[in-house]
N, C-alpha and C. Protein backbone atom coordinates (compact mmCIF):
# COMPACT_ATOMS: atom_id res chain seq x y z
N MET A 1 -17.41 -47.58 16.14
CA MET A 1 -16.04 -47.20 15.74
C MET A 1 -15.09 -48.40 16.17
N ASN A 2 -14.30 -48.62 15.25
CA ASN A 2 -13.37 -49.79 15.53
C ASN A 2 -12.11 -49.30 16.44
N LEU A 3 -11.45 -50.22 17.21
CA LEU A 3 -10.36 -49.84 17.87
C LEU A 3 -9.32 -49.17 17.26
N LYS A 4 -8.94 -49.34 16.15
CA LYS A 4 -7.85 -48.70 15.37
C LYS A 4 -8.13 -47.26 15.04
N LYS A 5 -9.41 -46.96 14.62
CA LYS A 5 -9.78 -45.68 14.51
C LYS A 5 -9.77 -44.86 15.80
N LEU A 6 -10.26 -45.40 16.76
CA LEU A 6 -10.29 -44.90 18.21
C LEU A 6 -8.87 -44.58 18.72
N ILE A 7 -7.90 -45.38 18.37
CA ILE A 7 -6.54 -45.08 18.79
C ILE A 7 -5.95 -43.90 18.11
N VAL A 8 -6.24 -43.90 16.76
CA VAL A 8 -5.88 -42.77 15.94
C VAL A 8 -6.38 -41.42 16.48
N LEU A 9 -7.75 -41.51 16.74
CA LEU A 9 -8.38 -40.25 17.19
C LEU A 9 -7.73 -39.79 18.58
N VAL A 10 -7.56 -40.72 19.42
CA VAL A 10 -7.06 -40.44 20.77
C VAL A 10 -5.73 -39.81 20.53
N THR A 11 -4.80 -40.44 19.87
CA THR A 11 -3.41 -39.93 19.53
C THR A 11 -3.41 -38.65 19.01
N PHE A 12 -4.25 -38.38 17.95
CA PHE A 12 -4.30 -37.11 17.27
C PHE A 12 -4.76 -35.92 18.41
N SER A 13 -5.83 -36.24 19.04
CA SER A 13 -6.32 -35.36 20.30
C SER A 13 -5.11 -35.04 21.20
N LEU A 14 -4.41 -35.99 21.63
CA LEU A 14 -3.35 -35.81 22.63
C LEU A 14 -2.14 -34.91 22.06
N LEU A 15 -1.89 -35.18 20.74
CA LEU A 15 -0.77 -34.46 20.00
C LEU A 15 -1.24 -32.97 19.87
N THR A 16 -2.47 -32.78 19.38
CA THR A 16 -2.92 -31.41 19.30
C THR A 16 -2.96 -30.72 20.65
N ALA A 17 -3.36 -31.28 21.71
CA ALA A 17 -3.39 -30.75 23.08
C ALA A 17 -1.81 -30.37 23.38
N ALA A 18 -0.96 -31.28 23.12
CA ALA A 18 0.42 -30.97 23.50
C ALA A 18 0.99 -29.81 22.75
N LEU A 19 0.65 -29.71 21.51
CA LEU A 19 1.16 -28.69 20.75
C LEU A 19 0.54 -27.28 21.35
N SER A 20 -0.78 -27.27 21.55
CA SER A 20 -1.28 -26.03 22.12
C SER A 20 -0.69 -25.64 23.39
N VAL A 21 -0.32 -26.53 24.19
CA VAL A 21 0.35 -26.22 25.62
C VAL A 21 1.75 -25.78 25.39
N ALA A 22 2.43 -26.34 24.38
CA ALA A 22 3.91 -25.92 24.03
C ALA A 22 3.93 -24.40 23.38
N HIS A 23 2.73 -24.01 22.83
CA HIS A 23 2.75 -22.77 22.30
C HIS A 23 2.44 -21.74 23.39
N ALA A 24 1.56 -22.15 24.30
CA ALA A 24 1.03 -21.35 25.41
C ALA A 24 2.40 -20.76 26.24
N GLN A 25 2.54 -19.45 26.41
CA GLN A 25 3.73 -18.97 27.10
C GLN A 25 3.08 -18.06 28.31
N SER A 26 3.88 -18.09 29.39
CA SER A 26 3.37 -17.34 30.51
C SER A 26 4.24 -16.00 30.82
N TYR A 27 3.58 -15.00 31.17
CA TYR A 27 4.21 -13.75 31.29
C TYR A 27 3.74 -13.18 32.80
N PRO A 28 3.94 -13.84 33.85
CA PRO A 28 3.41 -13.42 35.25
C PRO A 28 3.57 -12.01 35.56
N GLY A 29 2.58 -11.18 35.80
CA GLY A 29 2.66 -9.78 36.37
C GLY A 29 2.74 -8.79 35.20
N LEU A 30 2.80 -9.29 33.94
CA LEU A 30 2.68 -8.43 32.90
C LEU A 30 1.23 -8.29 32.18
N GLN A 31 0.95 -7.27 31.70
CA GLN A 31 -0.41 -7.06 31.09
C GLN A 31 -0.79 -7.91 29.98
N TRP A 32 0.02 -8.61 29.35
CA TRP A 32 -0.18 -9.46 28.24
C TRP A 32 -0.09 -10.94 28.68
N ASP A 33 -0.02 -11.21 30.12
CA ASP A 33 -0.09 -12.63 30.44
C ASP A 33 -1.35 -13.23 30.01
N GLY A 34 -1.20 -14.51 29.50
CA GLY A 34 -2.47 -15.24 28.98
C GLY A 34 -3.11 -14.64 27.77
N TYR A 35 -2.31 -13.90 26.98
CA TYR A 35 -2.88 -13.29 25.81
C TYR A 35 -3.48 -14.33 24.75
N GLN A 36 -2.90 -15.38 24.78
CA GLN A 36 -3.48 -16.41 23.73
C GLN A 36 -4.92 -16.82 23.94
N LYS A 37 -5.49 -16.44 25.01
CA LYS A 37 -6.89 -16.67 25.22
C LYS A 37 -7.72 -15.43 24.97
N TRP A 38 -7.23 -14.41 24.45
CA TRP A 38 -7.91 -13.12 24.05
C TRP A 38 -8.61 -13.35 22.71
N TYR A 39 -9.11 -12.23 22.15
CA TYR A 39 -9.71 -12.17 20.79
C TYR A 39 -8.55 -12.40 19.94
N HIS A 40 -8.53 -13.30 19.06
CA HIS A 40 -7.51 -13.79 18.11
C HIS A 40 -8.00 -12.87 16.72
N VAL A 41 -7.31 -11.88 16.60
CA VAL A 41 -7.73 -11.02 15.34
C VAL A 41 -7.37 -11.85 14.05
N THR A 42 -6.35 -12.58 14.04
CA THR A 42 -5.91 -13.19 12.84
C THR A 42 -6.27 -14.67 12.86
N PHE A 43 -7.22 -15.04 13.62
CA PHE A 43 -7.62 -16.47 13.72
C PHE A 43 -7.89 -17.21 12.36
N GLU A 44 -7.11 -18.39 12.18
CA GLU A 44 -7.07 -19.08 10.88
C GLU A 44 -6.75 -18.18 9.67
N ALA A 45 -6.05 -17.10 9.75
CA ALA A 45 -5.65 -16.36 8.70
C ALA A 45 -4.45 -15.52 9.15
N PRO A 46 -3.30 -16.02 9.34
CA PRO A 46 -2.15 -15.22 9.85
C PRO A 46 -1.86 -14.01 8.87
N ASN A 47 -1.44 -13.02 9.34
CA ASN A 47 -0.97 -11.80 8.61
C ASN A 47 0.39 -12.22 7.93
N THR A 48 0.52 -12.20 6.74
CA THR A 48 1.74 -12.43 6.11
C THR A 48 2.08 -11.52 4.86
N GLY A 49 3.18 -11.56 4.41
CA GLY A 49 3.62 -10.64 3.27
C GLY A 49 3.76 -9.14 3.77
N ASP A 50 3.26 -8.35 3.03
CA ASP A 50 3.39 -6.80 3.41
C ASP A 50 2.10 -6.16 2.86
N PRO A 51 0.99 -6.46 3.60
CA PRO A 51 -0.27 -5.79 3.16
C PRO A 51 -0.29 -4.30 3.28
N THR A 52 0.40 -3.73 4.27
CA THR A 52 0.38 -2.22 4.58
C THR A 52 1.25 -1.53 3.79
N GLY A 53 2.42 -2.22 3.16
CA GLY A 53 3.47 -1.57 2.45
C GLY A 53 4.42 -0.87 3.36
N PHE A 54 4.34 -1.26 4.72
CA PHE A 54 5.40 -0.62 5.59
C PHE A 54 6.14 -1.60 6.38
N VAL A 55 5.90 -2.94 6.15
CA VAL A 55 6.48 -3.93 7.05
C VAL A 55 8.05 -3.95 6.76
N GLY A 56 8.55 -3.95 5.71
CA GLY A 56 9.95 -3.88 5.41
C GLY A 56 10.61 -5.16 6.12
N LYS A 57 11.57 -4.85 6.99
CA LYS A 57 12.35 -6.18 7.61
C LYS A 57 11.63 -6.36 8.95
N ARG A 58 10.72 -5.40 9.38
CA ARG A 58 10.08 -5.71 10.82
C ARG A 58 9.15 -6.80 10.81
N HIS A 59 8.87 -7.29 11.99
CA HIS A 59 7.75 -8.31 12.14
C HIS A 59 8.01 -9.53 11.18
N GLY A 60 9.24 -9.96 11.08
CA GLY A 60 9.39 -11.04 10.30
C GLY A 60 9.59 -10.87 8.76
N GLY A 61 9.41 -9.51 8.34
CA GLY A 61 9.51 -9.00 7.02
C GLY A 61 8.44 -9.66 6.03
N THR A 62 8.64 -9.54 4.64
CA THR A 62 7.58 -10.00 3.82
C THR A 62 7.45 -11.49 3.84
N LYS A 63 8.20 -12.22 4.28
CA LYS A 63 8.11 -13.66 4.39
C LYS A 63 7.62 -14.14 5.88
N GLY A 64 7.44 -13.17 6.66
CA GLY A 64 6.97 -13.47 8.00
C GLY A 64 5.44 -13.86 8.23
N TYR A 65 5.19 -14.49 9.15
CA TYR A 65 3.86 -14.83 9.55
C TYR A 65 3.55 -14.17 10.93
N ARG A 66 2.44 -13.52 11.03
CA ARG A 66 2.14 -12.85 12.17
C ARG A 66 0.67 -13.09 12.75
N GLU A 67 0.65 -13.40 14.12
CA GLU A 67 -0.68 -13.70 14.69
C GLU A 67 -0.87 -12.38 15.71
N ILE A 68 -2.02 -12.07 15.65
CA ILE A 68 -2.48 -10.84 16.47
C ILE A 68 -3.66 -11.04 17.43
N TYR A 69 -3.29 -10.67 18.65
CA TYR A 69 -4.31 -10.85 19.65
C TYR A 69 -4.53 -9.52 20.40
N ILE A 70 -5.85 -9.30 20.74
CA ILE A 70 -6.24 -8.07 21.46
C ILE A 70 -7.16 -8.34 22.71
N ASN A 71 -6.84 -7.60 23.86
CA ASN A 71 -7.62 -7.99 25.10
C ASN A 71 -9.06 -7.47 24.94
N SER A 72 -9.83 -7.78 25.92
CA SER A 72 -11.24 -7.52 25.93
C SER A 72 -11.57 -6.05 25.96
N THR A 73 -10.70 -5.20 26.47
CA THR A 73 -10.81 -3.78 26.55
C THR A 73 -10.80 -3.16 25.21
N GLY A 74 -10.07 -3.61 24.15
CA GLY A 74 -10.05 -3.06 22.89
C GLY A 74 -10.66 -3.87 21.86
N GLU A 75 -11.38 -5.04 22.25
CA GLU A 75 -11.88 -5.91 21.18
C GLU A 75 -13.01 -5.13 20.29
N ALA A 76 -13.88 -4.48 21.01
CA ALA A 76 -15.01 -3.89 20.31
C ALA A 76 -14.42 -2.74 19.31
N THR A 77 -13.49 -2.15 19.67
CA THR A 77 -12.91 -1.07 18.81
C THR A 77 -12.30 -1.81 17.66
N ASN A 78 -11.56 -2.87 17.85
CA ASN A 78 -10.99 -3.64 16.71
C ASN A 78 -11.96 -4.20 15.74
N LYS A 79 -13.15 -4.60 16.27
CA LYS A 79 -13.99 -5.15 15.51
C LYS A 79 -14.96 -3.97 14.92
N MET A 80 -14.57 -2.81 15.04
CA MET A 80 -15.34 -1.62 14.50
C MET A 80 -16.76 -1.47 15.21
N ALA A 81 -17.05 -1.96 16.34
CA ALA A 81 -18.22 -1.83 17.03
C ALA A 81 -18.21 -0.58 17.91
N LYS A 82 -16.94 -0.08 18.22
CA LYS A 82 -16.80 1.15 18.88
C LYS A 82 -15.82 2.05 18.05
N ALA A 83 -15.87 3.44 18.18
CA ALA A 83 -15.11 4.18 17.42
C ALA A 83 -13.75 4.38 18.09
N PHE A 84 -12.85 4.87 17.21
CA PHE A 84 -11.56 5.12 17.67
C PHE A 84 -11.52 6.30 18.44
N PRO A 85 -10.66 6.56 19.48
CA PRO A 85 -9.45 5.73 19.74
C PRO A 85 -9.75 4.61 20.51
N TYR A 86 -8.77 3.67 20.60
CA TYR A 86 -8.97 2.51 21.52
C TYR A 86 -8.91 3.05 22.99
N PRO A 87 -9.70 2.30 23.88
CA PRO A 87 -9.79 2.78 25.28
C PRO A 87 -8.46 2.52 26.09
N VAL A 88 -8.25 3.30 26.99
CA VAL A 88 -7.16 3.09 27.92
C VAL A 88 -7.11 1.72 28.39
N GLY A 89 -5.95 1.03 28.52
CA GLY A 89 -5.96 -0.36 29.02
C GLY A 89 -5.94 -1.36 27.82
N THR A 90 -6.12 -1.00 26.57
CA THR A 90 -6.09 -1.89 25.53
C THR A 90 -4.81 -2.41 25.34
N VAL A 91 -4.66 -3.69 25.08
CA VAL A 91 -3.36 -4.37 24.88
C VAL A 91 -3.38 -5.13 23.57
N VAL A 92 -2.53 -4.86 22.60
CA VAL A 92 -2.46 -5.52 21.35
C VAL A 92 -1.10 -6.37 21.34
N VAL A 93 -1.20 -7.58 21.21
CA VAL A 93 0.02 -8.61 21.20
C VAL A 93 0.25 -9.07 19.63
N LYS A 94 1.38 -8.96 19.12
CA LYS A 94 1.82 -9.48 17.79
C LYS A 94 2.81 -10.40 18.01
N GLU A 95 2.64 -11.72 17.58
CA GLU A 95 3.52 -12.81 17.55
C GLU A 95 4.18 -12.79 16.08
N SER A 96 5.48 -12.70 15.94
CA SER A 96 6.05 -12.60 14.71
C SER A 96 7.10 -13.79 14.47
N TYR A 97 6.82 -14.35 13.23
CA TYR A 97 7.72 -15.66 12.99
C TYR A 97 8.41 -15.33 11.61
N ASN A 98 9.64 -15.75 11.41
CA ASN A 98 10.34 -15.35 10.25
C ASN A 98 9.97 -16.24 9.09
N SER A 99 9.14 -17.23 9.21
CA SER A 99 8.80 -18.07 8.10
C SER A 99 7.56 -18.90 8.35
N LYS A 100 6.99 -19.60 7.30
CA LYS A 100 5.78 -20.38 7.46
C LYS A 100 6.24 -21.45 8.36
N ALA A 101 7.39 -22.06 8.10
CA ALA A 101 7.86 -23.23 8.97
C ALA A 101 7.90 -22.91 10.40
N LEU A 102 8.48 -21.83 10.87
CA LEU A 102 8.50 -21.39 12.23
C LEU A 102 7.10 -21.18 12.74
N TRP A 103 6.36 -20.45 11.94
CA TRP A 103 4.90 -20.25 12.34
C TRP A 103 4.10 -21.64 12.61
N GLY A 104 4.39 -22.65 11.81
CA GLY A 104 3.82 -23.86 11.90
C GLY A 104 4.24 -24.55 13.22
N LYS A 105 5.30 -24.30 13.59
CA LYS A 105 5.81 -24.93 15.00
C LYS A 105 5.33 -24.19 16.22
N ARG A 106 5.00 -22.86 16.03
CA ARG A 106 4.46 -22.06 17.09
C ARG A 106 5.46 -22.04 18.18
N LYS A 107 6.81 -21.94 18.09
CA LYS A 107 7.63 -21.78 19.04
C LYS A 107 8.48 -20.53 19.15
N LYS A 108 8.54 -20.10 20.34
CA LYS A 108 9.28 -18.91 20.57
C LYS A 108 9.05 -17.75 19.57
N PRO A 109 7.97 -17.13 19.46
CA PRO A 109 7.72 -16.05 18.52
C PRO A 109 8.38 -14.72 19.10
N LEU A 110 8.69 -13.90 18.35
CA LEU A 110 9.11 -12.50 18.83
C LEU A 110 7.69 -11.82 19.06
N LEU A 111 7.57 -11.23 20.25
CA LEU A 111 6.34 -10.54 20.75
C LEU A 111 6.77 -9.05 20.48
N THR A 112 5.66 -8.28 19.95
CA THR A 112 5.65 -6.81 19.99
C THR A 112 4.25 -6.61 20.58
N ILE A 113 4.36 -5.63 21.48
CA ILE A 113 3.14 -5.25 22.29
C ILE A 113 2.87 -3.81 22.41
N MET A 114 1.53 -3.51 22.26
CA MET A 114 1.17 -2.04 22.25
C MET A 114 0.30 -2.00 23.47
N VAL A 115 0.47 -1.04 24.36
CA VAL A 115 -0.48 -0.79 25.50
C VAL A 115 -0.93 0.59 25.54
N LYS A 116 -2.26 0.86 25.52
CA LYS A 116 -2.83 2.31 25.48
C LYS A 116 -2.86 2.87 26.87
N LEU A 117 -2.16 4.01 26.95
CA LEU A 117 -2.04 4.72 28.12
C LEU A 117 -3.11 5.73 28.32
N PRO A 118 -3.15 6.33 29.49
CA PRO A 118 -4.00 7.43 29.71
C PRO A 118 -3.85 8.63 28.84
N LYS A 119 -4.91 9.14 28.53
CA LYS A 119 -4.87 10.52 27.56
C LYS A 119 -3.76 11.54 27.98
N GLY A 120 -2.83 11.90 27.19
CA GLY A 120 -1.80 12.86 27.46
C GLY A 120 -0.62 12.28 27.91
N SER A 121 -0.44 11.00 28.18
CA SER A 121 0.86 10.21 28.66
C SER A 121 1.82 10.29 27.57
N ALA A 122 1.45 10.19 26.36
CA ALA A 122 2.42 10.11 25.22
C ALA A 122 1.89 10.65 23.94
N PRO A 123 1.62 11.98 23.83
CA PRO A 123 0.91 12.42 22.76
C PRO A 123 1.61 12.14 21.28
N SER A 124 2.78 12.03 21.34
CA SER A 124 3.48 11.79 20.03
C SER A 124 3.32 10.32 19.54
N THR A 125 2.79 9.40 20.45
CA THR A 125 2.43 8.09 20.03
C THR A 125 1.03 7.77 20.07
N ASN A 126 0.19 8.87 20.34
CA ASN A 126 -1.19 8.79 20.42
C ASN A 126 -1.46 7.87 21.61
N ASP A 127 -0.65 8.15 22.75
CA ASP A 127 -0.82 7.52 24.14
C ASP A 127 -0.68 6.01 24.07
N TRP A 128 0.30 5.45 23.18
CA TRP A 128 0.58 3.97 23.20
C TRP A 128 1.93 3.89 23.70
N GLU A 129 2.28 2.76 24.50
CA GLU A 129 3.52 2.49 24.89
C GLU A 129 3.78 1.13 23.99
N PHE A 130 5.09 1.05 23.67
CA PHE A 130 5.42 -0.07 22.90
C PHE A 130 6.50 -1.03 23.55
N TYR A 131 6.28 -2.33 23.41
CA TYR A 131 7.24 -3.25 24.03
C TYR A 131 7.77 -4.12 22.97
N MET A 132 9.12 -4.48 23.10
CA MET A 132 9.69 -5.47 22.07
C MET A 132 10.22 -6.58 22.94
N GLY A 133 9.51 -7.81 22.80
CA GLY A 133 9.91 -8.89 23.56
C GLY A 133 8.91 -9.21 24.65
N GLY A 134 8.66 -10.41 24.86
CA GLY A 134 7.56 -10.62 25.95
C GLY A 134 8.04 -10.37 27.41
N ASN A 135 9.27 -10.17 27.65
CA ASN A 135 9.79 -9.84 29.09
C ASN A 135 9.38 -8.43 29.58
N GLY A 136 9.06 -7.57 28.48
CA GLY A 136 8.65 -6.26 28.92
C GLY A 136 9.90 -5.30 29.27
N LYS A 137 10.93 -5.76 29.02
CA LYS A 137 12.26 -4.81 29.43
C LYS A 137 12.56 -3.81 28.38
N LYS A 138 12.24 -4.02 27.03
CA LYS A 138 12.46 -3.05 26.00
C LYS A 138 11.19 -2.39 25.78
N LYS A 139 11.13 -1.24 26.21
CA LYS A 139 9.76 -0.54 26.14
C LYS A 139 10.02 0.99 25.81
N GLY A 140 9.01 1.58 25.33
CA GLY A 140 9.19 3.06 25.11
C GLY A 140 7.81 3.69 24.75
N HIS A 141 7.56 4.94 25.03
CA HIS A 141 6.54 5.75 24.61
C HIS A 141 7.11 7.15 24.44
N GLY A 142 6.52 7.74 23.49
CA GLY A 142 7.11 9.12 23.02
C GLY A 142 8.23 8.86 22.11
N ILE A 143 8.44 9.84 21.34
CA ILE A 143 9.44 9.78 20.07
C ILE A 143 10.82 10.00 20.75
N ASP A 144 10.99 10.35 22.06
CA ASP A 144 12.19 10.55 22.58
C ASP A 144 12.88 9.23 23.14
N SER A 145 12.06 8.14 23.07
CA SER A 145 12.64 6.86 23.54
C SER A 145 13.04 6.12 22.35
N LYS A 146 13.98 5.20 22.45
CA LYS A 146 14.38 4.41 21.34
C LYS A 146 13.33 3.53 20.76
N TRP A 147 12.58 2.79 21.62
CA TRP A 147 11.65 1.84 21.14
C TRP A 147 10.36 2.74 20.65
N GLY A 148 10.06 3.85 21.36
CA GLY A 148 8.90 4.49 21.00
C GLY A 148 9.07 5.15 19.62
N LYS A 149 10.28 5.67 19.39
CA LYS A 149 10.51 6.19 17.99
C LYS A 149 10.51 5.15 16.96
N PHE A 150 11.20 4.07 17.16
CA PHE A 150 11.23 2.95 16.23
C PHE A 150 9.87 2.55 15.79
N CYS A 151 9.00 2.27 16.88
CA CYS A 151 7.58 1.81 16.46
C CYS A 151 6.76 2.94 15.90
N THR A 152 6.84 4.05 16.46
CA THR A 152 6.13 5.22 15.91
C THR A 152 6.39 5.53 14.54
N ASP A 153 7.63 5.38 14.16
CA ASP A 153 8.03 5.72 12.67
C ASP A 153 7.23 4.93 11.77
N CYS A 154 6.89 3.87 12.07
CA CYS A 154 5.87 2.96 11.15
C CYS A 154 4.45 3.17 11.42
N HIS A 155 4.10 3.04 12.76
CA HIS A 155 2.67 3.08 13.25
C HIS A 155 2.06 4.47 12.95
N ILE A 156 2.86 5.47 12.81
CA ILE A 156 2.16 6.74 12.42
C ILE A 156 1.36 6.73 11.13
N ASN A 157 1.79 5.68 10.32
CA ASN A 157 1.14 5.53 9.03
C ASN A 157 -0.42 4.96 9.33
N ALA A 158 -0.64 4.48 10.43
CA ALA A 158 -2.00 4.03 10.78
C ALA A 158 -2.62 5.05 11.84
N ALA A 159 -2.17 6.15 11.88
CA ALA A 159 -2.78 7.24 12.76
C ALA A 159 -4.38 7.34 12.73
N GLY A 160 -4.86 7.09 11.57
CA GLY A 160 -6.20 7.28 11.35
C GLY A 160 -7.12 6.09 12.04
N LYS A 161 -6.38 5.04 12.32
CA LYS A 161 -6.94 3.85 13.06
C LYS A 161 -6.27 3.80 14.47
N ASP A 162 -5.90 4.90 14.95
CA ASP A 162 -5.21 4.93 16.39
C ASP A 162 -4.14 4.12 16.29
N PHE A 163 -3.10 4.13 15.29
CA PHE A 163 -1.88 3.58 15.29
C PHE A 163 -1.79 1.92 15.22
N VAL A 164 -3.06 1.45 14.97
CA VAL A 164 -3.24 -0.07 14.87
C VAL A 164 -3.63 -0.46 13.40
N PHE A 165 -2.57 -1.06 12.75
CA PHE A 165 -2.86 -1.47 11.36
C PHE A 165 -4.05 -2.46 11.11
N ILE A 166 -3.98 -3.61 11.89
CA ILE A 166 -4.76 -4.67 11.65
C ILE A 166 -6.07 -4.64 12.53
N ASN A 167 -6.99 -4.03 11.96
CA ASN A 167 -8.40 -3.96 12.51
C ASN A 167 -9.23 -4.84 11.63
N SER A 168 -10.49 -5.16 12.05
CA SER A 168 -11.29 -6.12 11.41
C SER A 168 -11.70 -5.61 10.09
N ASP A 169 -11.80 -4.30 9.76
CA ASP A 169 -12.12 -3.68 8.60
C ASP A 169 -10.97 -3.81 7.50
N PHE A 170 -9.74 -3.81 8.16
CA PHE A 170 -8.57 -4.01 7.25
C PHE A 170 -8.55 -5.45 6.75
N LEU A 171 -8.77 -6.51 7.72
CA LEU A 171 -8.66 -7.74 7.35
C LEU A 171 -9.85 -8.14 6.35
N ALA A 172 -11.11 -7.50 6.34
CA ALA A 172 -12.15 -7.75 5.36
C ALA A 172 -11.82 -7.30 4.08
N ASN A 173 -10.95 -6.25 3.93
CA ASN A 173 -10.60 -5.72 2.54
C ASN A 173 -9.21 -6.34 2.16
N GLU A 174 -8.63 -7.22 2.86
CA GLU A 174 -7.22 -7.73 2.37
C GLU A 174 -7.36 -8.67 1.41
């Protein structure tokens, strides 16, 4: 390999590493800290458009790009290797970008997070707690909370899949 090709290869590798570090965000003490290392449901195929018919203006709308991650607790259920419901402790993280350009930069996505609670904790949300934003301050479970109702109004349409729209079987048929 000549020197010129080696320099190009090294430069490309360093830029790629810098971009992936820029994308990584830290949420110390929260259940979704380090989520970028989890099972990447939408790896190499971001969810975009409105494949469910329920996106509307949520999650970046029909022009939005969404990346979805799930922790190891819920990975087997998401891959359809275990039956629904998702196990307690499952965490689903969705990064939403308002456009392809913003998705390409992978900077400051809006995070929406679902955390599976113990059975009976929030029957109206099938025991899911919803968070808006990575800091965890806007949260809710049950239809009596602002965020719980907002999220449940849409996710109820995925009740047959334990309130999670994007499972491996859905992606296979998309």
